Amino acid sequence: MEEIPVPGCVVTPRSQTPPVGGPEQQGRDTVIVGITVYAPPGTDIRTTDRVRVEGRRYEGVLFEVTGEPGDWGHSPFTGLSGPVQFAADRVTG
């Protein structure tokens, strides 16, 4: 598998709120379920890809792209290209 660096990405935790009283709540308000990545305009990412994140919290961790990546296109206000956004989940096993 070839790894291609993509500088300039922003990585944020993706969370969900578990149902109140559900077994996964256990005193927590949110549970981190993966990451959302905002990549530079024109980044070619596919649902079959895996990404390795560089940064303090997820350094070297491998994630699988989940769902269809979204291209924000051009801003109607500035004409500038927006990011390519995609969700990814940690690879286990």
PDB file of N, CA and C in Angstrom:
ATOM      1  N   MET A   1       0.852  -1.166   0.000  1.00  0.00           N
ATOM      2  CA  MET A   1       0.000   0.000   0.000  1.00  0.00           C
ATOM      3  C   MET A   1       0.904   1.237   0.000  1.00  0.00           C
ATOM      4  N   GLU A   2       0.646   2.134  -0.928  1.00  0.00           N
ATOM      5  CA  GLU A   2       1.421   3.361  -1.037  1.00  0.00           C
ATOM      6  C   GLU A   2       0.818   4.445  -0.147  1.00  0.00           C
ATOM      7  N   GLU A   3       1.671   5.138   0.598  1.00  0.00           N
ATOM      8  CA  GLU A   3       1.216   6.259   1.422  1.00  0.00           C
ATOM      9  C   GLU A   3       1.618   7.558   0.749  1.00  0.00           C
ATOM     10  N   ILE A   4       0.635   8.450   0.584  1.00  0.00           N
ATOM     11  CA  ILE A   4       0.871   9.736  -0.052  1.00  0.00           C
ATOM     12  C   ILE A   4       0.564  10.827   0.962  1.00  0.00           C
ATOM     13  N   PRO A   5       1.560  11.618   1.374  1.00  0.00           N
ATOM     14  CA  PRO A   5       1.317  12.686   2.349  1.00  0.00           C
ATOM     15  C   PRO A   5       0.409  13.777   1.767  1.00  0.00           C
ATOM     16  N   VAL A   6      -0.506  14.269   2.582  1.00  0.00           N
ATOM     17  CA  VAL A   6      -1.379  15.386   2.193  1.00  0.00           C
ATOM     18  C   VAL A   6      -1.247  16.448   3.284  1.00  0.00           C
ATOM     19  N   PRO A   7      -0.352  17.422   3.082  1.00  0.00           N
ATOM     20  CA  PRO A   7      -0.186  18.476   4.084  1.00  0.00           C
ATOM     21  C   PRO A   7      -1.372  19.437   4.073  1.00  0.00           C
ATOM     22  N   GLY A   8      -1.566  20.110   5.201  1.00  0.00           N
ATOM     23  CA  GLY A   8      -2.595  21.136   5.281  1.00  0.00           C
ATOM     24  C   GLY A   8      -3.968  20.647   5.678  1.00  0.00           C
ATOM     25  N   CYS A   9      -4.073  19.423   6.190  1.00  0.00           N
ATOM     26  CA  CYS A   9      -5.376  18.893   6.631  1.00  0.00           C
ATOM     27  C   CYS A   9      -5.690  19.362   8.050  1.00  0.00           C
ATOM     28  N   VAL A  10      -6.971  19.468   8.330  1.00  0.00           N
ATOM     29  CA  VAL A  10      -7.439  19.744   9.685  1.00  0.00           C
ATOM     30  C   VAL A  10      -8.207  18.507  10.135  1.00  0.00           C
ATOM     31  N   VAL A  11      -7.866  17.987  11.320  1.00  0.00           N
ATOM     32  CA  VAL A  11      -8.505  16.777  11.850  1.00  0.00           C
ATOM     33  C   VAL A  11      -9.243  17.129  13.123  1.00  0.00           C
ATOM     34  N   THR A  12     -10.526  16.750  13.188  1.00  0.00           N
ATOM     35  CA  THR A  12     -11.330  17.007  14.385  1.00  0.00           C
ATOM     36  C   THR A  12     -11.962  15.704  14.859  1.00  0.00           C
ATOM     37  N   PRO A  13     -12.159  15.544  16.170  1.00  0.00           N
ATOM     38  CA  PRO A  13     -12.842  14.346  16.658  1.00  0.00           C
ATOM     39  C   PRO A  13     -14.305  14.376  16.227  1.00  0.00           C
ATOM     40  N   ARG A  14     -14.832  13.222  15.893  1.00  0.00           N
ATOM     41  CA  ARG A  14     -16.247  13.087  15.546  1.00  0.00           C
ATOM     42  C   ARG A  14     -16.921  12.379  16.720  1.00  0.00           C
ATOM     43  N   SER A  15     -17.952  12.984  17.238  1.00  0.00           N
ATOM     44  CA  SER A  15     -18.576  12.427  18.433  1.00  0.00           C
ATOM     45  C   SER A  15     -20.062  12.223  18.228  1.00  0.00           C
ATOM     46  N   GLN A  16     -20.643  11.459  19.107  1.00  0.00           N
ATOM     47  CA  GLN A  16     -22.086  11.277  19.133  1.00  0.00           C
ATOM     48  C   GLN A  16     -22.526  11.240  20.584  1.00  0.00           C
ATOM     49  N   THR A  17     -23.761  11.607  20.813  1.00  0.00           N
ATOM     50  CA  THR A  17     -24.318  11.570  22.160  1.00  0.00           C
ATOM     51  C   THR A  17     -25.088  10.265  22.316  1.00  0.00           C
ATOM     52  N   PRO A  18     -24.679   9.392  23.236  1.00  0.00           N
ATOM     53  CA  PRO A  18     -25.400   8.135  23.417  1.00  0.00           C
ATOM     54  C   PRO A  18     -26.765   8.387  24.052  1.00  0.00           C
ATOM     55  N   PRO A  19     -27.694   7.456  23.837  1.00  0.00           N
ATOM     56  CA  PRO A  19     -29.016   7.614  24.439  1.00  0.00           C
ATOM     57  C   PRO A  19     -28.938   7.664  25.969  1.00  0.00           C
ATOM     58  N   VAL A  20     -29.731   8.525  26.551  1.00  0.00           N
ATOM     59  CA  VAL A  20     -29.756   8.664  28.009  1.00  0.00           C
ATOM     60  C   VAL A  20     -30.173   7.336  28.633  1.00  0.00           C
ATOM     61  N   GLY A  21     -29.376   6.902  29.606  1.00  0.00           N
ATOM     62  CA  GLY A  21     -29.669   5.652  30.305  1.00  0.00           C
ATOM     63  C   GLY A  21     -29.196   4.413  29.569  1.00  0.00           C
ATOM     64  N   GLY A  22     -28.655   4.600  28.359  1.00  0.00           N
ATOM     65  CA  GLY A  22     -28.160   3.460  27.585  1.00  0.00           C
ATOM     66  C   GLY A  22     -26.879   2.912  28.172  1.00  0.00           C
ATOM     67  N   PRO A  23     -26.511   1.683  27.836  1.00  0.00           N
ATOM     68  CA  PRO A  23     -25.324   1.060  28.416  1.00  0.00           C
ATOM     69  C   PRO A  23     -24.031   1.788  28.068  1.00  0.00           C
ATOM     70  N   GLU A  24     -23.984   2.485  26.911  1.00  0.00           N
ATOM     71  CA  GLU A  24     -22.750   3.162  26.562  1.00  0.00           C
ATOM     72  C   GLU A  24     -22.604   4.532  27.199  1.00  0.00           C
ATOM     73  N   GLN A  25     -23.630   5.030  27.844  1.00  0.00           N
ATOM     74  CA  GLN A  25     -23.533   6.363  28.443  1.00  0.00           C
ATOM     75  C   GLN A  25     -22.601   6.342  29.653  1.00  0.00           C
ATOM     76  N   GLN A  26     -22.896   5.559  30.634  1.00  0.00           N
ATOM     77  CA  GLN A  26     -22.071   5.382  31.826  1.00  0.00           C
ATOM     78  C   GLN A  26     -21.446   6.685  32.316  1.00  0.00           C
ATOM     79  N   GLY A  27     -22.263   7.700  32.471  1.00  0.00           N
ATOM     80  CA  GLY A  27     -21.792   8.950  33.036  1.00  0.00           C
ATOM     81  C   GLY A  27     -21.108   9.885  32.060  1.00  0.00           C
ATOM     82  N   ARG A  28     -21.105   9.550  30.757  1.00  0.00           N
ATOM     83  CA  ARG A  28     -20.468  10.420  29.770  1.00  0.00           C
ATOM     84  C   ARG A  28     -21.533  11.149  28.960  1.00  0.00           C
ATOM     85  N   ASP A  29     -21.170  12.327  28.475  1.00  0.00           N
ATOM     86  CA  ASP A  29     -22.082  13.082  27.625  1.00  0.00           C
ATOM     87  C   ASP A  29     -21.883  12.757  26.148  1.00  0.00           C
ATOM     88  N   THR A  30     -20.647  12.533  25.734  1.00  0.00           N
ATOM     89  CA  THR A  30     -20.366  12.211  24.338  1.00  0.00           C
ATOM     90  C   THR A  30     -19.355  11.087  24.255  1.00  0.00           C
ATOM     91  N   VAL A  31     -19.343  10.413  23.127  1.00  0.00           N
ATOM     92  CA  VAL A  31     -18.408   9.330  22.868  1.00  0.00           C
ATOM     93  C   VAL A  31     -17.743   9.629  21.531  1.00  0.00           C
ATOM     94  N   ILE A  32     -16.409   9.599  21.488  1.00  0.00           N
ATOM     95  CA  ILE A  32     -15.690   9.832  20.244  1.00  0.00           C
ATOM     96  C   ILE A  32     -15.821   8.570  19.387  1.00  0.00           C
ATOM     97  N   VAL A  33     -16.304   8.738  18.153  1.00  0.00           N
ATOM     98  CA  VAL A  33     -16.530   7.588  17.287  1.00  0.00           C
ATOM     99  C   VAL A  33     -15.616   7.584  16.067  1.00  0.00           C
ATOM    100  N   GLY A  34     -14.795   8.584  15.916  1.00  0.00           N
ATOM    101  CA  GLY A  34     -13.900   8.660  14.764  1.00  0.00           C
ATOM    102  C   GLY A  34     -13.413  10.085  14.591  1.00  0.00           C
ATOM    103  N   ILE A  35     -13.017  10.400  13.363  1.00  0.00           N
ATOM    104  CA  ILE A  35     -12.532  11.745  13.066  1.00  0.00           C
ATOM    105  C   ILE A  35     -13.218  12.288  11.821  1.00  0.00           C
ATOM    106  N   THR A  36     -13.213  13.603  11.709  1.00  0.00           N
ATOM    107  CA  THR A  36     -13.598  14.282  10.479  1.00  0.00           C
ATOM    108  C   THR A  36     -12.348  14.991   9.979  1.00  0.00           C
ATOM    109  N   VAL A  37     -12.067  14.820   8.689  1.00  0.00           N
ATOM    110  CA  VAL A  37     -10.879  15.427   8.096  1.00  0.00           C
ATOM    111  C   VAL A  37     -11.325  16.450   7.060  1.00  0.00           C
ATOM    112  N   TYR A  38     -10.715  17.626   7.122  1.00  0.00           N
ATOM    113  CA  TYR A  38     -10.914  18.670   6.127  1.00  0.00           C
ATOM    114  C   TYR A  38      -9.597  18.776   5.368  1.00  0.00           C
ATOM    115  N   ALA A  39      -9.593  18.295   4.124  1.00  0.00           N
ATOM    116  CA  ALA A  39      -8.382  18.262   3.308  1.00  0.00           C
ATOM    117  C   ALA A  39      -8.383  19.433   2.318  1.00  0.00           C
ATOM    118  N   PRO A  40      -7.212  19.830   1.835  1.00  0.00           N
ATOM    119  CA  PRO A  40      -7.135  20.932   0.887  1.00  0.00           C
ATOM    120  C   PRO A  40      -7.966  20.672  -0.376  1.00  0.00           C
ATOM    121  N   PRO A  41      -8.417  21.748  -1.041  1.00  0.00           N
ATOM    122  CA  PRO A  41      -9.186  21.588  -2.279  1.00  0.00           C
ATOM    123  C   PRO A  41      -8.442  20.713  -3.283  1.00  0.00           C
ATOM    124  N   GLY A  42      -9.191  19.870  -3.974  1.00  0.00           N
ATOM    125  CA  GLY A  42      -8.602  19.011  -4.996  1.00  0.00           C
ATOM    126  C   GLY A  42      -8.031  17.707  -4.487  1.00  0.00           C
ATOM    127  N   THR A  43      -8.054  17.469  -3.179  1.00  0.00           N
ATOM    128  CA  THR A  43      -7.547  16.211  -2.633  1.00  0.00           C
ATOM    129  C   THR A  43      -8.388  15.058  -3.164  1.00  0.00           C
ATOM    130  N   ASP A  44      -7.723  14.041  -3.700  1.00  0.00           N
ATOM    131  CA  ASP A  44      -8.412  12.870  -4.254  1.00  0.00           C
ATOM    132  C   ASP A  44      -8.489  11.803  -3.169  1.00  0.00           C
ATOM    133  N   ILE A  45      -9.658  11.666  -2.564  1.00  0.00           N
ATOM    134  CA  ILE A  45      -9.862  10.676  -1.492  1.00  0.00           C
ATOM    135  C   ILE A  45     -11.084   9.849  -1.846  1.00  0.00           C
ATOM    136  N   ARG A  46     -11.027   8.559  -1.581  1.00  0.00           N
ATOM    137  CA  ARG A  46     -12.124   7.649  -1.935  1.00  0.00           C
ATOM    138  C   ARG A  46     -12.553   6.834  -0.727  1.00  0.00           C
ATOM    139  N   THR A  47     -13.737   6.271  -0.812  1.00  0.00           N
ATOM    140  CA  THR A  47     -14.271   5.495   0.317  1.00  0.00           C
ATOM    141  C   THR A  47     -13.458   4.234   0.587  1.00  0.00           C
ATOM    142  N   THR A  48     -12.640   3.806  -0.352  1.00  0.00           N
ATOM    143  CA  THR A  48     -11.815   2.607  -0.163  1.00  0.00           C
ATOM    144  C   THR A  48     -10.448   2.920   0.420  1.00  0.00           C
ATOM    145  N   ASP A  49     -10.153   4.202   0.654  1.00  0.00           N
ATOM    146  CA  ASP A  49      -8.837   4.612   1.141  1.00  0.00           C
ATOM    147  C   ASP A  49      -8.717   4.486   2.658  1.00  0.00           C
ATOM    148  N   ARG A  50      -7.478   4.426   3.095  1.00  0.00           N
ATOM    149  CA  ARG A  50      -7.135   4.525   4.511  1.00  0.00           C
ATOM    150  C   ARG A  50      -6.238   5.738   4.667  1.00  0.00           C
ATOM    151  N   VAL A  51      -6.311   6.372   5.827  1.00  0.00           N
ATOM    152  CA  VAL A  51      -5.469   7.551   6.088  1.00  0.00           C
ATOM    153  C   VAL A  51      -4.716   7.359   7.399  1.00  0.00           C
ATOM    154  N   ARG A  52      -3.466   7.801   7.401  1.00  0.00           N
ATOM    155  CA  ARG A  52      -2.661   7.779   8.618  1.00  0.00           C
ATOM    156  C   ARG A  52      -2.516   9.226   9.068  1.00  0.00           C
ATOM    157  N   VAL A  53      -2.910   9.491  10.286  1.00  0.00           N
ATOM    158  CA  VAL A  53      -2.942  10.858  10.789  1.00  0.00           C
ATOM    159  C   VAL A  53      -1.648  11.197  11.502  1.00  0.00           C
ATOM    160  N   GLU A  54      -1.142  12.395  11.230  1.00  0.00           N
ATOM    161  CA  GLU A  54       0.013  12.927  11.960  1.00  0.00           C
ATOM    162  C   GLU A  54      -0.487  14.062  12.834  1.00  0.00           C
ATOM    163  N   GLY A  55      -0.088  14.075  14.042  1.00  0.00           N
ATOM    164  CA  GLY A  55      -0.526  15.092  14.990  1.00  0.00           C
ATOM    165  C   GLY A  55      -0.489  14.520  16.390  1.00  0.00           C
ATOM    166  N   ARG A  56      -0.580  15.376  17.351  1.00  0.00           N
ATOM    167  CA  ARG A  56      -0.390  14.938  18.744  1.00  0.00           C
ATOM    168  C   ARG A  56      -1.331  13.823  19.161  1.00  0.00           C
ATOM    169  N   ARG A  57      -2.611  14.007  18.995  1.00  0.00           N
ATOM    170  CA  ARG A  57      -3.562  13.055  19.553  1.00  0.00           C
ATOM    171  C   ARG A  57      -3.608  11.714  18.818  1.00  0.00           C
ATOM    172  N   TYR A  58      -3.493  11.746  17.500  1.00  0.00           N
ATOM    173  CA  TYR A  58      -3.654  10.526  16.700  1.00  0.00           C
ATOM    174  C   TYR A  58      -2.391  10.151  15.941  1.00  0.00           C
ATOM    175  N   GLU A  59      -1.233  10.549  16.402  1.00  0.00           N
ATOM    176  CA  GLU A  59       0.027  10.329  15.696  1.00  0.00           C
ATOM    177  C   GLU A  59       0.186   8.882  15.234  1.00  0.00           C
ATOM    178  N   GLY A  60       0.272   8.686  13.928  1.00  0.00           N
ATOM    179  CA  GLY A  60       0.524   7.378  13.348  1.00  0.00           C
ATOM    180  C   GLY A  60      -0.656   6.436  13.308  1.00  0.00           C
ATOM    181  N   VAL A  61      -1.820   6.851  13.796  1.00  0.00           N
ATOM    182  CA  VAL A  61      -2.990   5.971  13.834  1.00  0.00           C
ATOM    183  C   VAL A  61      -3.587   5.851  12.430  1.00  0.00           C
ATOM    184  N   LEU A  62      -3.972   4.641  12.054  1.00  0.00           N
ATOM    185  CA  LEU A  62      -4.550   4.365  10.748  1.00  0.00           C
ATOM    186  C   LEU A  62      -6.074   4.387  10.842  1.00  0.00           C
ATOM    187  N   PHE A  63      -6.703   5.102   9.920  1.00  0.00           N
ATOM    188  CA  PHE A  63      -8.159   5.226   9.878  1.00  0.00           C
ATOM    189  C   PHE A  63      -8.678   4.809   8.502  1.00  0.00           C
ATOM    190  N   GLU A  64      -9.881   4.239   8.462  1.00  0.00           N
ATOM    191  CA  GLU A  64     -10.554   3.919   7.198  1.00  0.00           C
ATOM    192  C   GLU A  64     -11.569   5.006   6.892  1.00  0.00           C
ATOM    193  N   VAL A  65     -11.602   5.453   5.646  1.00  0.00           N
ATOM    194  CA  VAL A  65     -12.587   6.446   5.225  1.00  0.00           C
ATOM    195  C   VAL A  65     -13.961   5.787   5.263  1.00  0.00           C
ATOM    196  N   THR A  66     -14.920   6.459   5.889  1.00  0.00           N
ATOM    197  CA  THR A  66     -16.280   5.927   5.988  1.00  0.00           C
ATOM    198  C   THR A  66     -17.235   6.918   5.345  1.00  0.00           C
ATOM    199  N   GLY A  67     -18.094   6.432   4.504  1.00  0.00           N
ATOM    200  CA  GLY A  67     -19.026   7.319   3.818  1.00  0.00           C
ATOM    201  C   GLY A  67     -18.369   7.986   2.620  1.00  0.00           C
ATOM    202  N   GLU A  68     -19.131   8.769   1.930  1.00  0.00           N
ATOM    203  CA  GLU A  68     -18.675   9.446   0.716  1.00  0.00           C
ATOM    204  C   GLU A  68     -18.010  10.779   1.057  1.00  0.00           C
ATOM    205  N   PRO A  69     -16.780  11.012   0.586  1.00  0.00           N
ATOM    206  CA  PRO A  69     -16.151  12.311   0.804  1.00  0.00           C
ATOM    207  C   PRO A  69     -16.970  13.420   0.131  1.00  0.00           C
ATOM    208  N   GLY A  70     -16.981  14.588   0.745  1.00  0.00           N
ATOM    209  CA  GLY A  70     -17.725  15.713   0.195  1.00  0.00           C
ATOM    210  C   GLY A  70     -16.807  16.854  -0.196  1.00  0.00           C
ATOM    211  N   ASP A  71     -17.016  17.387  -1.392  1.00  0.00           N
ATOM    212  CA  ASP A  71     -16.246  18.526  -1.870  1.00  0.00           C
ATOM    213  C   ASP A  71     -17.091  19.773  -1.679  1.00  0.00           C
ATOM    214  N   TRP A  72     -16.601  20.731  -0.929  1.00  0.00           N
ATOM    215  CA  TRP A  72     -17.364  21.937  -0.633  1.00  0.00           C
ATOM    216  C   TRP A  72     -17.504  22.842  -1.840  1.00  0.00           C
ATOM    217  N   GLY A  73     -16.768  22.592  -2.911  1.00  0.00           N
ATOM    218  CA  GLY A  73     -16.865  23.409  -4.118  1.00  0.00           C
ATOM    219  C   GLY A  73     -16.303  24.802  -3.899  1.00  0.00           C
ATOM    220  N   HIS A  74     -16.884  25.782  -4.596  1.00  0.00           N
ATOM    221  CA  HIS A  74     -16.425  27.169  -4.509  1.00  0.00           C
ATOM    222  C   HIS A  74     -17.379  28.006  -3.672  1.00  0.00           C
ATOM    223  N   SER A  75     -16.815  28.899  -2.898  1.00  0.00           N
ATOM    224  CA  SER A  75     -17.622  29.821  -2.096  1.00  0.00           C
ATOM    225  C   SER A  75     -18.305  30.831  -3.017  1.00  0.00           C
ATOM    226  N   PRO A  76     -19.621  31.034  -2.845  1.00  0.00           N
ATOM    227  CA  PRO A  76     -20.300  32.038  -3.655  1.00  0.00           C
ATOM    228  C   PRO A  76     -19.899  33.459  -3.258  1.00  0.00           C
ATOM    229  N   PHE A  77     -19.268  33.613  -2.095  1.00  0.00           N
ATOM    230  CA  PHE A  77     -18.878  34.928  -1.606  1.00  0.00           C
ATOM    231  C   PHE A  77     -17.482  35.332  -2.064  1.00  0.00           C
ATOM    232  N   THR A  78     -16.546  34.361  -2.073  1.00  0.00           N
ATOM    233  CA  THR A  78     -15.159  34.691  -2.398  1.00  0.00           C
ATOM    234  C   THR A  78     -14.680  34.069  -3.702  1.00  0.00           C
ATOM    235  N   GLY A  79     -15.363  33.015  -4.158  1.00  0.00           N
ATOM    236  CA  GLY A  79     -14.917  32.300  -5.353  1.00  0.00           C
ATOM    237  C   GLY A  79     -13.794  31.325  -5.077  1.00  0.00           C
ATOM    238  N   LEU A  80     -13.322  31.273  -3.829  1.00  0.00           N
ATOM    239  CA  LEU A  80     -12.237  30.356  -3.467  1.00  0.00           C
ATOM    240  C   LEU A  80     -12.761  28.939  -3.294  1.00  0.00           C
ATOM    241  N   SER A  81     -11.901  27.981  -3.555  1.00  0.00           N
ATOM    242  CA  SER A  81     -12.261  26.577  -3.378  1.00  0.00           C
ATOM    243  C   SER A  81     -12.316  26.224  -1.901  1.00  0.00           C
ATOM    244  N   GLY A  82     -13.297  25.405  -1.534  1.00  0.00           N
ATOM    245  CA  GLY A  82     -13.424  24.938  -0.168  1.00  0.00           C
ATOM    246  C   GLY A  82     -12.762  23.587   0.010  1.00  0.00           C
ATOM    247  N   PRO A  83     -12.750  23.068   1.232  1.00  0.00           N
ATOM    248  CA  PRO A  83     -12.065  21.803   1.515  1.00  0.00           C
ATOM    249  C   PRO A  83     -12.834  20.585   1.001  1.00  0.00           C
ATOM    250  N   VAL A  84     -12.142  19.469   1.028  1.00  0.00           N
ATOM    251  CA  VAL A  84     -12.756  18.160   0.816  1.00  0.00           C
ATOM    252  C   VAL A  84     -12.914  17.571   2.214  1.00  0.00           C
ATOM    253  N   GLN A  85     -14.132  17.199   2.578  1.00  0.00           N
ATOM    254  CA  GLN A  85     -14.418  16.718   3.937  1.00  0.00           C
ATOM    255  C   GLN A  85     -14.772  15.238   3.885  1.00  0.00           C
ATOM    256  N   PHE A  86     -14.221  14.480   4.848  1.00  0.00           N
ATOM    257  CA  PHE A  86     -14.599  13.071   4.954  1.00  0.00           C
ATOM    258  C   PHE A  86     -14.483  12.591   6.391  1.00  0.00           C
ATOM    259  N   ALA A  87     -15.255  11.548   6.676  1.00  0.00           N
ATOM    260  CA  ALA A  87     -15.227  10.912   7.994  1.00  0.00           C
ATOM    261  C   ALA A  87     -14.335   9.675   7.913  1.00  0.00           C
ATOM    262  N   ALA A  88     -13.716   9.338   9.033  1.00  0.00           N
ATOM    263  CA  ALA A  88     -12.859   8.151   9.083  1.00  0.00           C
ATOM    264  C   ALA A  88     -12.944   7.528  10.473  1.00  0.00           C
ATOM    265  N   ASP A  89     -12.845   6.205  10.508  1.00  0.00           N
ATOM    266  CA  ASP A  89     -12.885   5.452  11.758  1.00  0.00           C
ATOM    267  C   ASP A  89     -11.574   4.691  11.938  1.00  0.00           C
ATOM    268  N   ARG A  90     -11.178   4.513  13.192  1.00  0.00           N
ATOM    269  CA  ARG A  90      -9.928   3.827  13.529  1.00  0.00           C
ATOM    270  C   ARG A  90      -9.963   2.376  13.045  1.00  0.00           C
ATOM    271  N   VAL A  91      -8.860   1.956  12.477  1.00  0.00           N
ATOM    272  CA  VAL A  91      -8.717   0.568  12.028  1.00  0.00           C
ATOM    273  C   VAL A  91      -8.336  -0.287  13.219  1.00  0.00           C
ATOM    274  N   THR A  92      -9.073  -1.366  13.443  1.00  0.00           N
ATOM    275  CA  THR A  92      -8.731  -2.289  14.523  1.00  0.00           C
ATOM    276  C   THR A  92      -8.623  -3.686  13.967  1.00  0.00           C
ATOM    277  N   GLY A  93      -7.706  -4.469  14.522  1.00  0.00           N
ATOM    278  CA  GLY A  93      -7.546  -5.868  14.116  1.00  0.00           C
ATOM    279  C   GLY A  93      -6.755  -6.096  12.895  1.00  0.00           C
TER     280      GLY A  93
END
